[in-house]
């Protein structure tokens, strides 16, 4: 798994956008006590369910891989001129 340029910032952005997406889909907002790892897993599973992200093989489903998938998703979603774009 090759890291993207600005991957940490992309993951942070994916979490923000993903939470808004989940709320628009009717999911309750995450509580302040929800861990970041639980948020990553929940958002990843929602995006897989909605076919916005290709699911990882079950034996490769770990937190770093889920974060990487979220980073790839948001990188493809951002406009071309966005400062976080990995290819920009």
N, C-alpha and C. Protein backbone atom coordinates (compact mmCIF):
# COMPACT_ATOMS: atom_id res chain seq x y z
N UNK A 1 0.86 -1.18 0.00
CA UNK A 1 0.00 0.00 0.00
C UNK A 1 0.90 1.24 0.00
N UNK A 2 0.87 1.98 -1.07
CA UNK A 2 1.69 3.17 -1.21
C UNK A 2 0.95 4.37 -0.62
N UNK A 3 1.62 5.08 0.29
CA UNK A 3 1.00 6.25 0.90
C UNK A 3 0.82 7.36 -0.12
N UNK A 4 -0.27 8.08 0.03
CA UNK A 4 -0.53 9.24 -0.81
C UNK A 4 0.19 10.46 -0.25
N UNK A 5 0.46 11.40 -1.11
CA UNK A 5 0.98 12.68 -0.66
C UNK A 5 -0.11 13.31 0.21
N UNK A 6 0.26 13.86 1.36
CA UNK A 6 -0.69 14.49 2.29
C UNK A 6 -1.72 13.50 2.84
N UNK A 7 -1.36 12.23 2.99
CA UNK A 7 -2.35 11.23 3.41
C UNK A 7 -2.99 11.56 4.76
N UNK A 8 -2.22 12.02 5.72
CA UNK A 8 -2.79 12.34 7.03
C UNK A 8 -3.84 13.44 6.92
N UNK A 9 -3.56 14.47 6.13
CA UNK A 9 -4.52 15.55 5.96
C UNK A 9 -5.74 15.08 5.16
N UNK A 10 -5.51 14.18 4.19
CA UNK A 10 -6.63 13.63 3.41
C UNK A 10 -7.55 12.81 4.31
N UNK A 11 -6.97 12.05 5.23
CA UNK A 11 -7.79 11.25 6.15
C UNK A 11 -8.63 12.18 7.03
N UNK A 12 -8.01 13.24 7.51
CA UNK A 12 -8.73 14.21 8.34
C UNK A 12 -9.91 14.81 7.56
N UNK A 13 -9.66 15.19 6.31
CA UNK A 13 -10.70 15.76 5.45
C UNK A 13 -11.79 14.71 5.18
N UNK A 14 -11.38 13.46 4.94
CA UNK A 14 -12.33 12.38 4.68
C UNK A 14 -13.25 12.16 5.88
N UNK A 15 -12.69 12.31 7.06
CA UNK A 15 -13.50 12.15 8.28
C UNK A 15 -14.56 13.26 8.36
N UNK A 16 -14.16 14.48 8.05
CA UNK A 16 -15.12 15.60 8.09
C UNK A 16 -16.22 15.41 7.05
N UNK A 17 -15.83 15.14 5.83
CA UNK A 17 -16.79 14.97 4.74
C UNK A 17 -17.63 13.72 4.98
N UNK A 18 -16.99 12.65 5.44
CA UNK A 18 -17.69 11.40 5.70
C UNK A 18 -18.75 11.53 6.78
N UNK A 19 -18.45 12.27 7.84
CA UNK A 19 -19.44 12.48 8.91
C UNK A 19 -20.66 13.23 8.38
N UNK A 20 -20.42 14.25 7.57
CA UNK A 20 -21.52 14.99 6.97
C UNK A 20 -22.32 14.09 6.05
N UNK A 21 -21.63 13.28 5.25
CA UNK A 21 -22.31 12.34 4.35
C UNK A 21 -23.19 11.37 5.15
N UNK A 22 -22.64 10.84 6.23
CA UNK A 22 -23.40 9.89 7.06
C UNK A 22 -24.65 10.55 7.65
N UNK A 23 -24.52 11.77 8.12
CA UNK A 23 -25.67 12.48 8.68
C UNK A 23 -26.72 12.74 7.61
N UNK A 24 -26.29 13.09 6.40
CA UNK A 24 -27.23 13.31 5.30
C UNK A 24 -27.93 12.01 4.90
N UNK A 25 -27.29 10.88 5.17
CA UNK A 25 -27.89 9.58 4.89
C UNK A 25 -28.83 9.13 6.00
N UNK A 26 -28.90 9.92 7.08
CA UNK A 26 -29.83 9.61 8.16
C UNK A 26 -29.20 8.99 9.39
N UNK A 27 -27.89 8.87 9.40
CA UNK A 27 -27.22 8.33 10.56
C UNK A 27 -27.06 9.41 11.62
N UNK A 28 -27.13 9.02 12.87
CA UNK A 28 -26.94 9.97 13.97
C UNK A 28 -25.49 10.43 13.99
N UNK A 29 -25.27 11.62 14.47
CA UNK A 29 -23.91 12.15 14.57
C UNK A 29 -23.12 11.32 15.57
N UNK A 30 -21.82 11.25 15.36
CA UNK A 30 -20.96 10.55 16.31
C UNK A 30 -20.94 11.33 17.62
N UNK A 31 -20.89 10.62 18.72
CA UNK A 31 -20.81 11.30 20.01
C UNK A 31 -19.37 11.72 20.27
N UNK A 32 -19.20 12.58 21.24
CA UNK A 32 -17.86 13.05 21.59
C UNK A 32 -17.00 11.90 22.13
N UNK A 33 -17.64 10.86 22.64
CA UNK A 33 -16.91 9.73 23.20
C UNK A 33 -16.53 8.69 22.14
N UNK A 34 -17.03 8.82 20.92
CA UNK A 34 -16.70 7.86 19.87
C UNK A 34 -15.23 8.03 19.47
N UNK A 35 -14.50 6.93 19.51
CA UNK A 35 -13.07 7.00 19.18
C UNK A 35 -12.88 7.25 17.69
N UNK A 36 -11.74 7.81 17.36
CA UNK A 36 -11.41 8.08 15.95
C UNK A 36 -11.36 6.77 15.16
N UNK A 37 -10.86 5.71 15.78
CA UNK A 37 -10.78 4.42 15.11
C UNK A 37 -12.17 3.88 14.78
N UNK A 38 -13.12 4.06 15.69
CA UNK A 38 -14.49 3.60 15.46
C UNK A 38 -15.13 4.42 14.34
N UNK A 39 -14.84 5.71 14.31
CA UNK A 39 -15.37 6.57 13.24
C UNK A 39 -14.83 6.12 11.88
N UNK A 40 -13.53 5.83 11.81
CA UNK A 40 -12.92 5.38 10.56
C UNK A 40 -13.61 4.11 10.08
N UNK A 41 -13.77 3.15 10.97
CA UNK A 41 -14.39 1.88 10.59
C UNK A 41 -15.84 2.08 10.16
N UNK A 42 -16.58 2.88 10.88
CA UNK A 42 -17.99 3.13 10.55
C UNK A 42 -18.13 3.81 9.19
N UNK A 43 -17.33 4.84 8.95
CA UNK A 43 -17.40 5.55 7.68
C UNK A 43 -16.96 4.66 6.53
N UNK A 44 -15.91 3.89 6.74
CA UNK A 44 -15.44 2.96 5.71
C UNK A 44 -16.57 2.00 5.34
N UNK A 45 -17.21 1.40 6.34
CA UNK A 45 -18.27 0.42 6.08
C UNK A 45 -19.48 1.06 5.39
N UNK A 46 -19.82 2.29 5.74
CA UNK A 46 -20.91 2.99 5.08
C UNK A 46 -20.58 3.24 3.61
N UNK A 47 -19.37 3.70 3.34
CA UNK A 47 -18.96 3.98 1.97
C UNK A 47 -18.89 2.70 1.13
N UNK A 48 -18.49 1.59 1.74
CA UNK A 48 -18.49 0.31 1.04
C UNK A 48 -19.93 -0.10 0.73
N UNK A 49 -20.80 0.04 1.72
CA UNK A 49 -22.21 -0.32 1.54
C UNK A 49 -22.84 0.49 0.41
N UNK A 50 -22.49 1.77 0.32
CA UNK A 50 -23.04 2.65 -0.72
C UNK A 50 -22.26 2.55 -2.03
N UNK A 51 -21.30 1.64 -2.08
CA UNK A 51 -20.49 1.38 -3.28
C UNK A 51 -19.68 2.60 -3.74
N UNK A 52 -19.25 3.41 -2.78
CA UNK A 52 -18.38 4.54 -3.07
C UNK A 52 -16.92 4.17 -2.88
N UNK A 53 -16.69 3.07 -2.18
CA UNK A 53 -15.35 2.56 -1.92
C UNK A 53 -15.39 1.06 -2.17
N UNK A 54 -14.35 0.54 -2.82
CA UNK A 54 -14.26 -0.90 -3.04
C UNK A 54 -13.81 -1.56 -1.73
N UNK A 55 -14.51 -2.60 -1.33
CA UNK A 55 -14.22 -3.28 -0.07
C UNK A 55 -12.85 -3.96 -0.11
N UNK A 56 -12.21 -3.92 1.03
CA UNK A 56 -10.95 -4.63 1.19
C UNK A 56 -11.25 -6.12 1.36
N UNK A 57 -10.31 -7.00 0.98
CA UNK A 57 -10.51 -8.42 1.28
C UNK A 57 -10.57 -8.59 2.81
N UNK A 58 -11.38 -9.52 3.29
CA UNK A 58 -11.54 -9.68 4.75
C UNK A 58 -10.23 -9.83 5.51
N UNK A 59 -9.23 -10.50 4.94
CA UNK A 59 -7.96 -10.68 5.64
C UNK A 59 -7.09 -9.43 5.63
N UNK A 60 -7.48 -8.41 4.86
CA UNK A 60 -6.72 -7.15 4.79
C UNK A 60 -7.47 -6.00 5.46
N UNK A 61 -8.59 -6.30 6.10
CA UNK A 61 -9.41 -5.27 6.74
C UNK A 61 -8.80 -4.89 8.08
N UNK A 62 -7.91 -3.91 8.05
CA UNK A 62 -7.34 -3.39 9.29
C UNK A 62 -7.43 -1.87 9.25
N UNK A 63 -7.19 -1.24 10.37
CA UNK A 63 -7.37 0.21 10.49
C UNK A 63 -6.51 1.00 9.50
N UNK A 64 -5.21 0.71 9.35
CA UNK A 64 -4.42 1.48 8.37
C UNK A 64 -4.96 1.35 6.95
N UNK A 65 -5.43 0.18 6.58
CA UNK A 65 -5.97 -0.02 5.23
C UNK A 65 -7.28 0.74 5.05
N UNK A 66 -8.12 0.75 6.09
CA UNK A 66 -9.37 1.50 6.01
C UNK A 66 -9.10 2.99 5.89
N UNK A 67 -8.13 3.49 6.65
CA UNK A 67 -7.76 4.90 6.55
C UNK A 67 -7.26 5.22 5.15
N UNK A 68 -6.45 4.33 4.60
CA UNK A 68 -5.92 4.53 3.25
C UNK A 68 -7.06 4.60 2.23
N UNK A 69 -8.05 3.72 2.37
CA UNK A 69 -9.21 3.73 1.47
C UNK A 69 -9.97 5.05 1.58
N UNK A 70 -10.13 5.55 2.81
CA UNK A 70 -10.81 6.84 3.00
C UNK A 70 -10.01 7.96 2.33
N UNK A 71 -8.69 7.91 2.44
CA UNK A 71 -7.84 8.93 1.82
C UNK A 71 -7.97 8.88 0.30
N UNK A 72 -8.00 7.69 -0.27
CA UNK A 72 -8.16 7.55 -1.72
C UNK A 72 -9.53 8.08 -2.15
N UNK A 73 -10.56 7.74 -1.38
CA UNK A 73 -11.92 8.20 -1.70
C UNK A 73 -12.00 9.72 -1.73
N UNK A 74 -11.49 10.37 -0.69
CA UNK A 74 -11.61 11.83 -0.64
C UNK A 74 -10.72 12.47 -1.71
N UNK A 75 -9.57 11.87 -1.99
CA UNK A 75 -8.70 12.41 -3.03
C UNK A 75 -9.42 12.42 -4.38
N UNK A 76 -10.18 11.38 -4.66
CA UNK A 76 -10.93 11.31 -5.92
C UNK A 76 -12.14 12.23 -5.91
N UNK A 77 -12.63 12.57 -4.72
CA UNK A 77 -13.82 13.41 -4.57
C UNK A 77 -13.51 14.90 -4.64
N UNK A 78 -12.32 15.27 -4.19
CA UNK A 78 -11.95 16.70 -4.14
C UNK A 78 -11.82 17.27 -5.55
N UNK A 79 -12.10 18.57 -5.72
CA UNK A 79 -11.89 19.21 -7.02
C UNK A 79 -10.40 19.21 -7.38
N UNK A 80 -10.12 19.24 -8.65
CA UNK A 80 -8.73 19.17 -9.13
C UNK A 80 -7.83 20.25 -8.56
N UNK A 81 -8.38 21.43 -8.30
CA UNK A 81 -7.55 22.53 -7.82
C UNK A 81 -7.45 22.59 -6.29
N UNK A 82 -7.97 21.59 -5.59
CA UNK A 82 -7.90 21.57 -4.12
C UNK A 82 -6.46 21.37 -3.67
N UNK A 83 -6.00 22.10 -2.65
CA UNK A 83 -4.61 22.02 -2.22
C UNK A 83 -4.19 20.63 -1.69
N UNK A 84 -5.15 19.80 -1.28
CA UNK A 84 -4.80 18.49 -0.76
C UNK A 84 -4.70 17.40 -1.84
N UNK A 85 -5.05 17.73 -3.06
CA UNK A 85 -5.01 16.72 -4.11
C UNK A 85 -3.63 16.10 -4.21
N UNK A 86 -3.57 14.76 -4.21
CA UNK A 86 -2.29 14.05 -4.26
C UNK A 86 -1.61 14.21 -5.62
N UNK A 87 -2.42 14.39 -6.65
CA UNK A 87 -1.83 14.51 -7.99
C UNK A 87 -1.63 15.97 -8.39
N UNK A 88 -2.01 16.90 -7.53
CA UNK A 88 -1.97 18.30 -7.88
C UNK A 88 -0.67 18.97 -7.73
